[in-house]
Protein backbone atom coordinates (compact mmCIF):
# COMPACT_ATOMS: atom_id res chain seq x y z
CA MET A 1 90.40 -23.00 172.89
CA ARG A 2 90.62 -24.68 176.32
CA SER A 3 92.34 -28.00 176.78
CA ALA A 4 90.53 -31.02 178.19
CA VAL A 5 92.24 -30.58 181.56
CA GLU A 6 91.31 -26.91 181.75
CA SER A 7 87.68 -27.63 180.93
CA LEU A 8 87.48 -30.20 183.75
CA ARG A 9 89.04 -27.84 186.32
CA MET A 10 86.51 -26.40 188.74
CA ASP A 11 86.56 -22.65 189.17
CA TRP A 12 86.02 -21.80 192.84
CA HIS A 13 84.30 -18.54 193.62
CA TRP A 14 85.72 -18.28 197.13
CA ASP A 15 89.12 -17.07 198.25
CA SER A 16 89.23 -19.16 201.43
CA PHE A 17 87.40 -21.90 203.30
CA ALA A 18 85.88 -19.25 205.59
CA ASP A 19 84.40 -17.51 202.53
CA PHE A 20 83.02 -20.86 201.38
CA VAL A 21 81.35 -21.46 204.76
CA ALA A 22 79.98 -17.89 204.83
CA MET A 23 78.46 -18.39 201.34
CA GLY A 24 78.47 -14.70 200.60
CA GLY A 25 76.50 -13.87 203.74
CA TYR A 26 73.94 -16.64 203.25
CA GLY A 27 75.88 -19.35 205.10
CA LEU A 28 73.45 -19.62 208.00
CA TYR A 29 70.56 -20.18 205.60
CA VAL A 30 72.47 -22.62 203.37
CA TRP A 31 74.04 -24.72 206.13
CA GLY A 32 70.89 -24.51 208.24
CA SER A 33 68.94 -25.94 205.30
CA TYR A 34 71.42 -28.80 204.95
CA GLY A 35 71.22 -29.40 208.70
CA MET A 36 67.42 -29.56 208.61
CA LEU A 37 67.59 -31.95 205.66
CA VAL A 38 69.87 -34.31 207.58
CA LEU A 39 67.67 -34.02 210.68
CA VAL A 40 64.44 -34.77 208.79
CA LEU A 41 65.96 -37.66 206.85
CA GLY A 42 67.35 -39.10 210.07
CA ALA A 43 63.96 -38.79 211.78
CA GLU A 44 62.26 -40.48 208.81
CA LEU A 45 64.73 -43.38 208.87
CA TRP A 46 64.25 -43.76 212.62
CA ALA A 47 60.44 -43.72 212.24
CA LEU A 48 60.62 -46.34 209.48
CA ARG A 49 62.75 -48.59 211.68
CA VAL A 50 60.32 -48.25 214.60
CA ARG A 51 57.29 -49.01 212.38
CA ARG A 52 59.08 -51.99 210.81
CA LYS A 53 59.90 -53.48 214.21
CA ALA A 54 56.32 -52.95 215.40
CA LEU A 55 54.94 -54.63 212.29
CA ALA A 56 57.35 -57.55 212.66
CA GLN A 57 56.24 -58.05 216.26
CA GLU A 58 52.59 -57.87 215.22
CA ILE A 59 53.12 -60.49 212.51
CA ASP A 60 54.96 -62.81 214.94
CA GLU A 61 52.06 -62.78 217.44
């Protein structure tokens, strides 16, 4: 039976940070997906800010 500490320990499946980044050969797809997510979320936040400012100006007129 495993102790409480052993059950909380994460088992890494990579031998090095480079293996982690490579993701078993799928690193470009994985990290590219994360990059696109950040880009799209950033664009959405920017668009919301622009629309909010435009609406505020329209209300003030």
